[in-house]
Amino acid sequence: MTEMAGCRFAREVGICAEQLNKAVVLEHVDSLQGPVMSRKVEVAVHVAAVLPVGREPAHAFIDRTVEAERRLMEAEFRRYAAALEAQARAEDLRHEAGDAKIQKAGEVLDYRLEEMNNFREQINQERAEYLRRDLYDHEHATLAERVKVLEIARGEQSGRAAAYASTVALVVIVAQVVLHFWK
């Protein structure tokens, strides 16, 4: 590139301006002889601007913003801590109520088990008073045999009584007939 073309290029690109004209830069990038590099620029910095001594810090706005965020976060953390404390109290109350229910259920269960043991003891006492099956069967067979013998004896007695009654009736009838004809 010639010297004249370089000045025209600088004017077109706008090196002196704060922003480069992007369309012009893209148009001329391919015609550059070497890679594009930024220039070294030295900037003068006053020490008082960086290290404030005896006056308000240079970044007072940032410090106030950070302090406001810190206070906001502290308030939010206090709210969360209060909410967690309330939740912990509610959980403690819920656990205490659950423990009381468990204790009451344990007492009820103990009472029921005690009553079941009493019932079992009563059943065992009554079982001792009952006859065993084999003893019952033996006694029942003996009583059945005795009843059978008594029924037979009673039947024989009834038969004899009927025979005696028949005989007496026959004697009375014969006596009546004899007396009727004998007169």
Protein backbone atom coordinates (compact mmCIF):
# COMPACT_ATOMS: atom_id res chain seq x y z
CA MET A 1 0.00 0.00 0.00
CA THR A 2 1.24 3.46 -0.74
CA GLU A 3 1.48 6.26 1.76
CA MET A 4 -1.41 8.09 0.21
CA ALA A 5 -3.57 5.03 0.19
CA GLY A 6 -2.67 4.40 3.86
CA CYS A 7 -3.94 7.85 4.91
CA ARG A 8 -7.09 7.41 2.91
CA PHE A 9 -7.54 3.97 4.53
CA ALA A 10 -7.07 5.43 8.00
CA ARG A 11 -9.61 8.12 7.27
CA GLU A 12 -12.11 5.62 5.87
CA VAL A 13 -11.67 3.18 8.73
CA GLY A 14 -11.86 5.95 11.23
CA ILE A 15 -8.84 5.16 13.38
CA CYS A 16 -9.05 8.52 15.08
CA ALA A 17 -12.67 7.98 16.01
CA GLU A 18 -13.76 5.98 19.03
CA GLN A 19 -15.35 3.26 16.94
CA LEU A 20 -14.27 1.84 13.64
CA ASN A 21 -16.63 1.83 10.70
CA LYS A 22 -17.31 -1.91 10.57
CA ALA A 23 -18.40 -2.05 6.95
CA VAL A 24 -15.23 -0.31 5.77
CA VAL A 25 -13.00 -2.47 7.95
CA LEU A 26 -14.55 -5.66 6.59
CA GLU A 27 -14.13 -4.34 3.04
CA HIS A 28 -10.40 -3.61 3.45
CA VAL A 29 -9.32 -6.51 5.70
CA ASP A 30 -8.34 -8.70 2.76
CA SER A 31 -6.04 -5.98 1.30
CA LEU A 32 -3.87 -5.69 4.42
CA GLN A 33 -0.23 -6.81 4.05
CA GLY A 34 0.17 -8.34 7.51
CA PRO A 35 -1.95 -9.55 10.39
CA VAL A 36 -4.09 -7.01 12.23
CA MET A 37 -2.58 -6.09 15.60
CA SER A 38 -3.51 -3.48 18.14
CA ARG A 39 -1.14 -0.65 18.88
CA LYS A 40 0.58 -0.24 22.18
CA VAL A 41 -0.92 2.76 23.94
CA GLU A 42 0.27 4.20 27.23
CA VAL A 43 -2.36 5.68 29.47
CA ALA A 44 -1.47 8.11 32.23
CA VAL A 45 -3.17 7.36 35.55
CA HIS A 46 -3.12 9.79 38.44
CA VAL A 47 -2.33 8.05 41.76
CA ALA A 48 -5.01 9.98 43.64
CA ALA A 49 -7.68 8.57 41.34
CA VAL A 50 -6.66 5.00 42.16
CA LEU A 51 -5.76 5.36 45.85
CA PRO A 52 -8.07 7.86 47.48
CA VAL A 53 -6.43 9.37 50.54
CA GLY A 54 -8.46 11.53 52.87
CA ARG A 55 -11.52 11.66 50.68
CA GLU A 56 -14.48 9.46 49.70
CA PRO A 57 -13.49 6.32 47.81
CA ALA A 58 -13.62 6.50 44.04
CA HIS A 59 -16.10 3.65 43.96
CA ALA A 60 -18.55 4.93 46.57
CA PHE A 61 -21.53 3.98 44.41
CA ILE A 62 -20.27 0.39 44.15
CA ASP A 63 -19.57 0.27 47.88
CA ARG A 64 -23.08 1.57 48.68
CA THR A 65 -24.60 -0.97 46.28
CA VAL A 66 -22.59 -3.84 47.80
CA GLU A 67 -23.54 -2.68 51.31
CA ALA A 68 -27.23 -2.49 50.35
CA GLU A 69 -27.03 -6.02 48.88
CA ARG A 70 -25.30 -7.25 52.03
CA ARG A 71 -28.07 -5.75 54.24
CA LEU A 72 -30.72 -7.22 51.95
CA MET A 73 -29.10 -10.65 52.13
CA GLU A 74 -28.78 -10.38 55.93
CA ALA A 75 -32.49 -9.55 56.21
CA GLU A 76 -33.33 -12.45 53.92
CA PHE A 77 -31.12 -14.80 55.96
CA ARG A 78 -32.81 -13.61 59.17
CA ARG A 79 -36.23 -14.35 57.60
CA TYR A 80 -35.03 -17.80 56.56
CA ALA A 81 -33.59 -18.43 60.02
CA ALA A 82 -36.89 -17.39 61.63
CA ALA A 83 -38.82 -19.62 59.21
CA LEU A 84 -36.48 -22.53 59.94
CA GLU A 85 -36.86 -21.97 63.69
CA ALA A 86 -40.66 -21.93 63.35
CA GLN A 87 -40.50 -25.09 61.24
CA ALA A 88 -38.26 -26.75 63.85
CA ARG A 89 -40.74 -25.82 66.62
CA ALA A 90 -43.63 -27.17 64.55
CA GLU A 91 -41.70 -30.40 63.87
CA ASP A 92 -40.88 -30.73 67.58
CA LEU A 93 -44.56 -30.32 68.46
CA ARG A 94 -45.54 -32.82 65.80
CA HIS A 95 -42.97 -35.32 67.08
CA GLU A 96 -44.12 -34.81 70.68
CA ALA A 97 -47.73 -35.41 69.61
CA GLY A 98 -46.63 -38.53 67.73
CA ASP A 99 -44.70 -39.74 70.79
CA ALA A 100 -47.78 -39.16 72.98
CA LYS A 101 -49.92 -41.14 70.52
CA ILE A 102 -47.39 -43.96 70.48
CA GLN A 103 -47.28 -44.02 74.28
CA LYS A 104 -51.10 -44.08 74.47
CA ALA A 105 -51.24 -46.86 71.89
CA GLY A 106 -48.65 -48.78 73.94
CA GLU A 107 -50.77 -48.40 77.07
CA VAL A 108 -53.89 -49.56 75.22
CA LEU A 109 -51.98 -52.51 73.79
CA ASP A 110 -50.67 -53.46 77.25
CA TYR A 111 -54.21 -53.32 78.65
CA ARG A 112 -55.55 -55.47 75.82
CA LEU A 113 -52.75 -58.00 76.23
CA GLU A 114 -53.37 -58.15 79.98
CA GLU A 115 -57.07 -58.79 79.36
CA MET A 116 -56.19 -61.51 76.83
CA ASN A 117 -53.93 -63.17 79.41
CA ASN A 118 -56.74 -63.02 81.98
CA PHE A 119 -59.12 -64.56 79.44
CA ARG A 120 -56.60 -67.31 78.65
CA GLU A 121 -56.22 -68.03 82.37
CA GLN A 122 -60.00 -68.23 82.78
CA ILE A 123 -60.25 -70.62 79.82
CA ASN A 124 -57.52 -72.82 81.31
CA GLN A 125 -59.37 -72.91 84.66
CA GLU A 126 -62.60 -73.87 82.93
CA ARG A 127 -60.81 -76.54 80.95
CA ALA A 128 -59.66 -78.10 84.19
CA GLU A 129 -63.30 -78.35 85.26
CA TYR A 130 -64.45 -80.06 82.05
CA LEU A 131 -64.45 -83.85 81.56
CA ARG A 132 -62.01 -85.32 79.16
CA ARG A 133 -63.58 -86.86 76.06
CA ASP A 134 -62.48 -90.44 76.73
CA LEU A 135 -63.76 -90.28 80.33
CA TYR A 136 -67.07 -88.84 79.09
CA ASP A 137 -67.43 -91.56 76.45
CA HIS A 138 -66.71 -94.29 79.02
CA GLU A 139 -69.19 -92.87 81.55
CA HIS A 140 -71.79 -92.31 78.85
CA ALA A 141 -71.48 -95.92 77.67
CA THR A 142 -71.83 -97.15 81.27
CA LEU A 143 -74.92 -94.98 81.85
CA ALA A 144 -76.42 -96.07 78.52
CA GLU A 145 -75.97 -99.71 79.55
CA ARG A 146 -77.61 -99.05 82.93
CA VAL A 147 -80.51 -97.22 81.27
CA LYS A 148 -80.94 -100.14 78.90
CA VAL A 149 -81.07 -102.57 81.81
CA LEU A 150 -83.58 -100.34 83.61
CA GLU A 151 -85.75 -100.08 80.49
CA ILE A 152 -85.77 -103.85 80.16
CA ALA A 153 -86.67 -104.27 83.84
CA ARG A 154 -89.36 -101.64 83.52
CA GLY A 155 -90.73 -103.33 80.42
CA GLU A 156 -90.82 -106.66 82.24
CA GLN A 157 -92.55 -104.99 85.17
CA SER A 158 -95.09 -103.37 82.88
CA GLY A 159 -95.65 -106.69 81.17
CA ARG A 160 -96.19 -108.43 84.52
CA ALA A 161 -98.52 -105.67 85.69
CA ALA A 162 -100.51 -105.97 82.47
CA ALA A 163 -100.63 -109.73 82.89
CA TYR A 164 -101.79 -109.39 86.50
CA ALA A 165 -104.38 -106.82 85.48
CA SER A 166 -105.57 -109.09 82.68
CA THR A 167 -105.73 -112.01 85.08
CA VAL A 168 -107.64 -109.99 87.66
CA ALA A 169 -109.98 -108.70 84.95
CA LEU A 170 -110.52 -112.23 83.72
CA VAL A 171 -111.21 -113.44 87.25
CA VAL A 172 -113.66 -110.58 87.83
CA ILE A 173 -115.40 -111.26 84.52
CA VAL A 174 -115.58 -114.98 85.22
CA ALA A 175 -116.87 -114.26 88.74
CA GLN A 176 -119.49 -111.93 87.30
CA VAL A 177 -120.58 -114.49 84.75
CA VAL A 178 -120.70 -117.24 87.35
CA LEU A 179 -122.65 -115.08 89.75
CA HIS A 180 -124.97 -113.99 87.03
CA PHE A 181 -125.84 -117.53 86.09
CA TRP A 182 -125.87 -118.89 89.52
CA LYS A 183 -128.54 -116.86 90.84
